[in-house]
Protein backbone atom coordinates (compact mmCIF):
# COMPACT_ATOMS: atom_id res chain seq x y z
CA MET A 1 86.74 95.17 89.96
CA ASP A 2 88.52 96.00 93.25
CA THR A 3 88.68 99.57 94.42
CA THR A 4 91.73 101.44 94.81
CA GLY A 5 92.04 100.84 98.51
CA GLN A 6 91.49 97.24 98.08
CA GLU A 7 93.82 96.92 95.42
CA VAL A 8 96.77 98.59 97.47
CA GLY A 9 95.78 96.80 100.60
CA LYS A 10 96.18 93.53 98.58
CA ILE A 11 99.75 94.45 97.47
CA GLU A 12 100.64 95.21 100.88
CA THR A 13 99.66 92.25 102.22
CA ARG A 14 101.43 90.49 99.72
CA LEU A 15 104.70 92.51 100.47
CA ARG A 16 104.07 91.66 104.19
CA GLN A 17 104.19 88.06 102.93
CA LEU A 18 107.24 88.43 101.03
CA GLY A 19 108.99 90.16 103.95
CA THR A 20 108.31 86.95 106.14
CA LYS A 21 109.82 84.64 103.33
CA LEU A 22 112.88 86.92 102.64
CA ASP A 23 113.73 86.60 106.43
CA ARG A 24 113.22 82.72 106.12
CA LEU A 25 115.58 82.93 103.02
CA THR A 26 118.03 84.89 104.94
CA ALA A 27 118.33 82.43 107.84
CA LYS A 28 118.52 79.54 105.21
CA ALA A 29 121.38 81.45 103.47
CA ALA A 30 123.24 81.70 106.84
CA GLU A 31 123.25 78.19 107.25
CA ALA A 32 124.75 77.62 103.72
CA GLY A 33 128.17 76.86 102.79
CA ALA A 34 130.41 80.17 102.34
CA ASP A 35 130.48 80.27 98.67
CA ALA A 36 126.61 79.51 98.47
CA LYS A 37 126.00 82.05 101.48
CA LEU A 38 127.93 84.72 99.60
CA ASP A 39 125.84 84.21 96.42
CA TYR A 40 122.60 83.91 97.93
CA ARG A 41 123.12 86.84 100.20
CA LYS A 42 123.86 88.83 97.11
CA GLN A 43 120.31 87.65 95.47
CA ILE A 44 118.68 88.23 98.65
CA ASP A 45 119.89 91.78 99.26
CA LEU A 46 118.62 92.40 95.33
CA ILE A 47 115.32 91.07 96.33
CA LYS A 48 115.04 93.12 99.57
CA ASP A 49 115.94 96.15 97.51
CA LYS A 50 112.99 95.31 95.21
CA HIS A 51 110.86 94.80 98.01
CA GLU A 52 111.74 98.13 99.39
CA LEU A 53 111.02 100.01 96.01
CA VAL A 54 107.51 98.63 95.72
CA ARG A 55 106.80 99.46 99.52
CA SER A 56 108.11 103.32 98.73
CA LYS A 57 106.11 103.46 95.57
CA LEU A 58 102.82 102.56 97.78
CA ALA A 59 104.00 104.96 100.31
CA ALA A 60 104.16 107.80 97.70
CA PHE A 61 100.69 106.99 96.62
CA ARG A 62 99.61 107.21 100.04
CA ALA A 63 101.32 110.43 100.75
CA ALA A 64 100.06 111.90 97.43
CA ASN A 65 96.31 112.27 98.58
CA GLY A 66 93.83 112.69 95.88
CA GLN A 67 96.08 111.61 93.03
CA LYS A 68 94.75 108.93 90.81
CA TRP A 69 96.01 105.51 91.44
CA ASP A 70 96.34 105.27 87.50
CA ASN A 71 99.19 107.77 88.02
CA PHE A 72 101.29 105.10 90.32
CA LYS A 73 99.92 101.85 89.18
CA GLY A 74 102.23 101.30 86.12
CA GLY A 75 105.35 102.17 88.46
CA VAL A 76 104.07 99.82 90.98
CA GLU A 77 103.39 97.25 88.62
CA THR A 78 106.98 97.53 87.11
CA ALA A 79 108.64 97.27 90.41
CA TRP A 80 106.47 94.28 91.36
CA HIS A 81 107.32 92.57 88.35
CA ASP A 82 110.90 93.06 88.92
CA LEU A 83 110.31 91.68 92.62
CA GLU A 84 108.62 88.53 91.45
CA ASN A 85 111.72 87.96 88.71
CA ALA A 86 114.10 88.46 91.32
CA PHE A 87 112.44 85.70 93.53
CA ARG A 88 112.08 83.52 90.47
CA ALA A 89 115.75 83.86 89.35
CA LEU A 90 116.82 82.79 93.06
CA LYS A 91 114.55 79.90 92.92
CA GLN A 92 115.93 78.65 89.71
CA ASP A 93 119.39 79.03 90.89
CA ALA A 94 118.44 77.36 94.21
CA SER A 95 116.65 74.43 92.47
CA ALA A 96 119.86 73.84 89.91
CA PRO A 97 121.22 70.35 89.97
CA PRO A 98 124.51 70.30 92.16
CA ALA A 99 126.40 69.92 89.14
CA ALA A 100 124.90 73.03 87.38
CA ASN A 101 124.71 74.86 90.72
CA SER A 102 128.28 75.87 92.04
CA HIS A 103 126.99 76.15 95.57
CA GLY A 104 125.78 72.41 96.03
CA ASP A 105 123.56 73.68 98.56
CA PRO A 106 120.01 74.27 96.79
CA LEU A 107 117.62 76.51 98.90
CA THR A 108 113.96 75.12 97.84
CA GLU A 109 112.17 77.96 100.08
CA PRO A 110 111.39 79.83 97.10
CA ALA A 111 109.26 77.32 95.62
CA ASP A 112 106.18 78.90 96.84
CA ALA A 113 107.75 82.41 97.07
CA LYS A 114 106.08 83.79 93.96
CA PRO A 115 104.08 86.48 95.35
CA ASN A 116 101.49 86.60 92.65
CA SER A 117 101.06 82.95 92.19
CA ASP A 118 97.35 83.17 91.29
CA LYS A 119 98.18 85.87 88.62
CA GLU A 120 95.86 88.22 90.21
CA PRO A 121 96.27 91.61 88.55
CA ILE A 122 97.99 94.25 90.61
């Protein structure tokens, strides 16, 4: 079983990795057509908001010296799952066939962007 520090460290590492993937998605969205660009930008902005929420919850835990991880873990896990779901939604939309995807410009980058791909508990 991981210690609290190890558990938080793993989450922070995955958040940094997601931040890098978000930057790449933002660049790809900028290259997309106007309609796709607007839709992807909205989805990416939503993901960035969820990313920041997880970061802020971890920062609150670090600032609350001495409080138990259990007091924060539920909120962090919920925020993390919301972030994963937002990435999955973007992936699903981006991989839809052109007929079903009104953008006609699928982004395939999030195929490996699922941050918790090994289903390791948070």
